Amino acid sequence: MTTLQLTALHARYQVLETLRIPVAVIGNMLFPSLAMFFFVVPQEAVAGDPVAATAAVGQLAMFSVMSTCMFTFGVGAAEDRALPFDPYVRTLPAGPMPRLLGRMLTGGFFALLGLVPLVVIGWLFTAATVTPAQFLLAGLVIVGVALPFLGLGLGIGYSTSAKAAIAVVQVILFPIAFAGGLFMPPQVFPDWLDALSRALPSRAGRDLLVETLTDLPAYAGALPVLLGWGALFMVFALWAYRRDEGRRFR
């Protein structure tokens, strides 16, 4: 079988494995949508303003994608490592690439799935609006801003146990989501928190995505910050994978 066929096979297996636990899928879709419904929709000043409502959808979309990446790649990889079948699969001659690419496709599928109810709520209950060109460009931006968190998730997954991975992801995810302006706009932050926020990948991703959807300019350092964290997290992921492989297969 070719690498492409093996990648599709791994992705299909991982998607079906996740769908067999419906609460995992529902939980991924529920939190950003509930946050939108209970904290944005009732605020007429936000929900009735096309720019503010669209920005709110964008920042919660960023949280949804970031959460999916960290749980899918972090907790998912750690749980796989605990299974007896995992060492066998990793010794097969196909190498690690088809499985890693399959996991990336799986994460992308569930990330996009998690955005569906969020977008529907924004469309039905707020004044959020985007042009077709903005919508398509935002899809590409979402892929780009997700990559650093993909690396972070893989690094956590290959360096911690299954039980520890859940705690580590939660401890990292919610503070950087709050400080990154994903739950409330950074315009309301005090100066010290705004300065700290600008150094985080969550804020950089949020501003780039909101800029795509609303034309509100991102801060000047957003792209370099996102690229810097992305490179660092990818190095972390490669180090964790090779460290785990060396410890388990020496």
Protein backbone atom coordinates (compact mmCIF):
# COMPACT_ATOMS: atom_id res chain seq x y z
CA MET A 1 0.00 0.00 0.00
CA THR A 2 1.15 3.55 -0.71
CA THR A 3 1.70 6.19 1.99
CA LEU A 4 -1.48 7.95 0.87
CA GLN A 5 -3.54 4.76 1.20
CA LEU A 6 -2.06 3.98 4.62
CA THR A 7 -2.73 7.57 5.76
CA ALA A 8 -6.38 7.29 4.66
CA LEU A 9 -6.68 3.95 6.44
CA HIS A 10 -5.28 5.33 9.70
CA ALA A 11 -7.54 8.42 9.47
CA ARG A 12 -10.62 6.26 8.85
CA TYR A 13 -9.76 4.01 11.79
CA GLN A 14 -9.16 6.93 14.16
CA VAL A 15 -12.35 8.76 13.11
CA LEU A 16 -14.45 5.62 13.61
CA GLU A 17 -12.75 4.93 16.93
CA THR A 18 -13.63 8.44 18.15
CA LEU A 19 -17.21 8.29 16.84
CA ARG A 20 -17.77 5.13 18.89
CA ILE A 21 -17.54 7.39 21.98
CA PRO A 22 -20.23 10.00 21.19
CA VAL A 23 -19.59 12.03 24.35
CA ALA A 24 -16.10 12.84 23.06
CA VAL A 25 -17.54 14.30 19.86
CA ILE A 26 -20.42 16.09 21.61
CA GLY A 27 -18.10 17.59 24.22
CA ASN A 28 -15.84 18.96 21.51
CA MET A 29 -18.78 20.64 19.79
CA LEU A 30 -20.64 21.75 22.92
CA PHE A 31 -18.44 24.11 24.93
CA PRO A 32 -17.68 26.79 22.28
CA SER A 33 -21.31 26.70 21.12
CA LEU A 34 -22.67 27.05 24.65
CA ALA A 35 -20.25 29.90 25.33
CA MET A 36 -21.55 31.61 22.19
CA PHE A 37 -25.19 31.01 23.08
CA PHE A 38 -25.03 32.06 26.75
CA PHE A 39 -22.34 34.77 26.80
CA VAL A 40 -22.55 36.43 23.37
CA VAL A 41 -26.13 36.08 22.13
CA PRO A 42 -27.75 37.71 25.23
CA GLN A 43 -25.50 40.78 24.95
CA GLU A 44 -27.34 43.00 22.51
CA ALA A 45 -24.39 45.39 22.21
CA VAL A 46 -22.25 42.51 20.93
CA ALA A 47 -24.78 40.27 19.19
CA GLY A 48 -26.35 43.22 17.37
CA ASP A 49 -23.06 44.65 16.13
CA PRO A 50 -21.88 42.87 12.94
CA VAL A 51 -18.18 43.47 13.65
CA ALA A 52 -18.30 42.57 17.35
CA ALA A 53 -20.46 39.49 16.71
CA THR A 54 -18.21 38.26 13.92
CA ALA A 55 -15.13 38.80 16.10
CA ALA A 56 -16.80 36.81 18.89
CA VAL A 57 -17.46 33.91 16.50
CA GLY A 58 -13.84 34.11 15.35
CA GLN A 59 -12.30 34.00 18.80
CA LEU A 60 -14.51 31.12 19.94
CA ALA A 61 -13.67 29.31 16.68
CA MET A 62 -10.02 29.75 17.62
CA PHE A 63 -10.70 28.19 21.02
CA SER A 64 -12.58 25.29 19.43
CA VAL A 65 -9.73 24.49 17.03
CA MET A 66 -7.08 24.93 19.71
CA SER A 67 -8.98 22.66 22.12
CA THR A 68 -9.53 19.98 19.47
CA CYS A 69 -5.85 19.97 18.50
CA MET A 70 -4.60 19.68 22.04
CA PHE A 71 -7.04 16.99 23.11
CA THR A 72 -6.90 14.99 19.86
CA PHE A 73 -3.12 15.04 19.56
CA GLY A 74 -2.22 15.32 23.23
CA VAL A 75 -4.64 13.03 25.05
CA GLY A 76 -5.19 10.86 21.96
CA ALA A 77 -1.50 10.14 21.40
CA ALA A 78 -0.95 9.44 25.11
CA GLU A 79 -3.87 7.01 25.19
CA ASP A 80 -2.59 5.24 22.09
CA ARG A 81 0.82 4.78 23.69
CA ALA A 82 -0.85 2.97 26.59
CA LEU A 83 -2.40 0.35 24.29
CA PRO A 84 -0.54 -2.94 23.68
CA PHE A 85 -1.17 -2.59 19.94
CA ASP A 86 0.74 0.70 19.69
CA PRO A 87 4.30 -0.71 19.99
CA TYR A 88 3.50 -3.26 17.30
CA VAL A 89 2.19 -0.63 14.87
CA ARG A 90 5.26 1.53 15.43
CA THR A 91 7.59 -1.33 14.49
CA LEU A 92 5.94 -1.90 11.11
CA PRO A 93 8.02 -0.99 8.02
CA ALA A 94 5.57 1.74 6.92
CA GLY A 95 7.15 4.09 9.45
CA PRO A 96 5.49 6.78 11.59
CA MET A 97 4.43 9.16 8.80
CA PRO A 98 1.11 7.53 7.71
CA ARG A 99 -0.08 7.32 11.30
CA LEU A 100 0.90 10.89 12.14
CA LEU A 101 -0.70 12.20 8.94
CA GLY A 102 -3.80 10.14 9.68
CA ARG A 103 -4.00 11.69 13.14
CA MET A 104 -3.65 15.14 11.60
CA LEU A 105 -6.55 14.44 9.21
CA THR A 106 -8.63 13.14 12.11
CA GLY A 107 -7.92 16.26 14.16
CA GLY A 108 -8.78 18.48 11.20
CA PHE A 109 -12.05 16.65 10.63
CA PHE A 110 -13.20 17.04 14.23
CA ALA A 111 -11.96 20.63 14.40
CA LEU A 112 -14.13 21.55 11.42
CA LEU A 113 -17.02 19.53 12.84
CA GLY A 114 -16.79 21.50 16.08
CA LEU A 115 -17.14 24.77 14.18
CA VAL A 116 -20.48 23.86 12.58
CA PRO A 117 -22.81 24.58 15.54
CA LEU A 118 -20.80 27.69 16.44
CA VAL A 119 -21.20 29.14 12.96
CA VAL A 120 -24.90 28.21 12.86
CA ILE A 121 -25.58 29.96 16.19
CA GLY A 122 -23.68 33.04 15.05
CA TRP A 123 -25.64 33.08 11.78
CA LEU A 124 -29.09 32.58 13.35
CA PHE A 125 -28.87 34.59 16.57
CA THR A 126 -26.38 37.41 15.96
CA ALA A 127 -25.57 40.01 13.33
CA ALA A 128 -22.30 38.25 12.44
CA THR A 129 -21.64 38.36 8.72
CA VAL A 130 -18.82 37.49 6.34
CA THR A 131 -18.35 37.54 2.59
CA PRO A 132 -17.75 34.27 0.71
CA ALA A 133 -14.13 35.32 0.13
CA GLN A 134 -13.60 36.01 3.85
CA PHE A 135 -15.18 32.68 4.75
CA LEU A 136 -12.88 30.73 2.44
CA LEU A 137 -9.79 32.65 3.53
CA ALA A 138 -10.73 32.13 7.18
CA GLY A 139 -10.76 28.37 6.54
CA LEU A 140 -7.15 28.57 5.37
CA VAL A 141 -6.16 30.78 8.30
CA ILE A 142 -7.71 28.31 10.75
CA VAL A 143 -5.45 25.58 9.38
CA GLY A 144 -2.42 27.84 9.83
CA VAL A 145 -3.22 28.97 13.37
CA ALA A 146 -3.95 25.37 14.40
CA LEU A 147 -0.48 24.07 13.48
CA PRO A 148 1.37 25.35 16.59
CA PHE A 149 -1.20 23.66 18.84
CA LEU A 150 -0.91 20.47 16.82
CA GLY A 151 2.80 20.43 17.69
CA LEU A 152 2.11 21.23 21.33
CA GLY A 153 -0.49 18.47 21.54
CA LEU A 154 1.83 15.88 20.01
CA GLY A 155 4.63 16.92 22.33
CA ILE A 156 2.39 16.47 25.36
CA GLY A 157 1.01 13.18 24.04
CA TYR A 158 4.43 11.60 23.48
CA SER A 159 6.00 12.86 26.70
CA THR A 160 3.29 12.12 29.31
CA SER A 161 1.07 9.25 30.37
CA ALA A 162 -2.61 9.12 29.42
CA LYS A 163 -3.79 10.31 32.85
CA ALA A 164 -1.20 13.05 33.06
CA ALA A 165 -1.92 14.26 29.51
CA ILE A 166 -5.53 15.20 30.38
CA ALA A 167 -4.39 17.31 33.33
CA VAL A 168 -1.51 18.92 31.43
CA VAL A 169 -3.75 19.86 28.48
CA GLN A 170 -6.37 21.40 30.77
CA VAL A 171 -3.77 23.31 32.81
CA ILE A 172 -2.27 24.79 29.64
CA LEU A 173 -5.40 25.22 27.51
CA PHE A 174 -7.68 27.35 29.65
CA PRO A 175 -5.13 29.91 30.93
CA ILE A 176 -3.72 30.61 27.47
CA ALA A 177 -7.25 30.72 26.03
CA PHE A 178 -8.33 33.33 28.59
CA ALA A 179 -5.11 35.34 28.34
CA GLY A 180 -5.26 35.10 24.54
CA GLY A 181 -8.60 36.90 24.37
CA LEU A 182 -10.67 33.89 23.35
CA PHE A 183 -13.32 34.33 26.06
CA MET A 184 -13.40 38.12 26.17
CA PRO A 185 -11.96 40.62 23.68
CA PRO A 186 -8.44 41.85 24.50
CA GLN A 187 -9.68 45.43 24.20
CA VAL A 188 -11.02 45.12 27.76
CA PHE A 189 -7.71 43.80 29.17
CA PRO A 190 -5.62 45.96 31.50
CA ASP A 191 -2.30 47.08 29.99
CA TRP A 192 -0.19 44.43 31.74
CA LEU A 193 -2.44 41.57 30.57
CA ASP A 194 -2.61 42.96 27.05
CA ALA A 195 1.21 43.05 26.90
CA LEU A 196 1.43 39.47 28.18
CA SER A 197 -1.31 38.37 25.81
CA ARG A 198 0.60 39.60 22.75
CA ALA A 199 3.37 37.08 23.47
CA LEU A 200 0.99 34.09 23.37
CA PRO A 201 0.17 31.96 20.30
CA SER A 202 -3.52 31.97 21.24
CA ARG A 203 -3.68 35.78 21.00
CA ALA A 204 -1.68 35.81 17.77
CA GLY A 205 -3.96 33.20 16.20
CA ARG A 206 -7.05 34.97 17.46
CA ASP A 207 -6.04 38.34 16.03
CA LEU A 208 -5.07 36.90 12.64
CA LEU A 209 -8.37 35.03 12.37
CA VAL A 210 -10.44 38.04 13.47
CA GLU A 211 -8.57 40.24 11.00
CA THR A 212 -9.51 37.81 8.21
CA LEU A 213 -13.19 37.84 9.21
CA THR A 214 -13.67 41.51 10.06
CA ASP A 215 -10.74 43.53 8.67
CA LEU A 216 -9.91 44.66 12.22
CA PRO A 217 -6.09 44.85 12.11
CA ALA A 218 -4.07 42.33 14.11
CA TYR A 219 -1.23 43.69 16.23
CA ALA A 220 2.06 44.02 14.35
CA GLY A 221 3.85 41.05 15.91
CA ALA A 222 1.03 38.49 15.56
CA LEU A 223 2.48 36.51 12.64
CA PRO A 224 6.09 36.36 13.98
CA VAL A 225 4.77 35.29 17.41
CA LEU A 226 2.68 32.51 15.87
CA LEU A 227 5.56 31.32 13.66
CA GLY A 228 8.00 31.37 16.58
CA TRP A 229 5.75 29.32 18.85
CA GLY A 230 4.94 27.00 15.95
CA ALA A 231 8.63 26.25 15.36
CA LEU A 232 9.24 25.74 19.09
CA PHE A 233 6.27 23.37 19.49
CA MET A 234 7.25 21.34 16.43
CA VAL A 235 10.75 20.88 17.87
CA PHE A 236 9.12 19.82 21.14
CA ALA A 237 6.93 17.29 19.30
CA LEU A 238 9.89 15.77 17.42
CA TRP A 239 11.97 15.59 20.59
CA ALA A 240 9.14 13.93 22.53
CA TYR A 241 8.50 11.39 19.76
CA ARG A 242 12.16 10.42 19.41
CA ARG A 243 12.60 10.30 23.18
CA ASP A 244 9.60 8.00 23.53
CA GLU A 245 10.82 5.81 20.67
CA GLY A 246 14.29 5.57 22.20
CA ARG A 247 12.97 4.62 25.63
CA ARG A 248 10.52 2.00 24.36
CA PHE A 249 12.39 0.39 21.48
CA ARG A 250 16.05 0.41 22.51
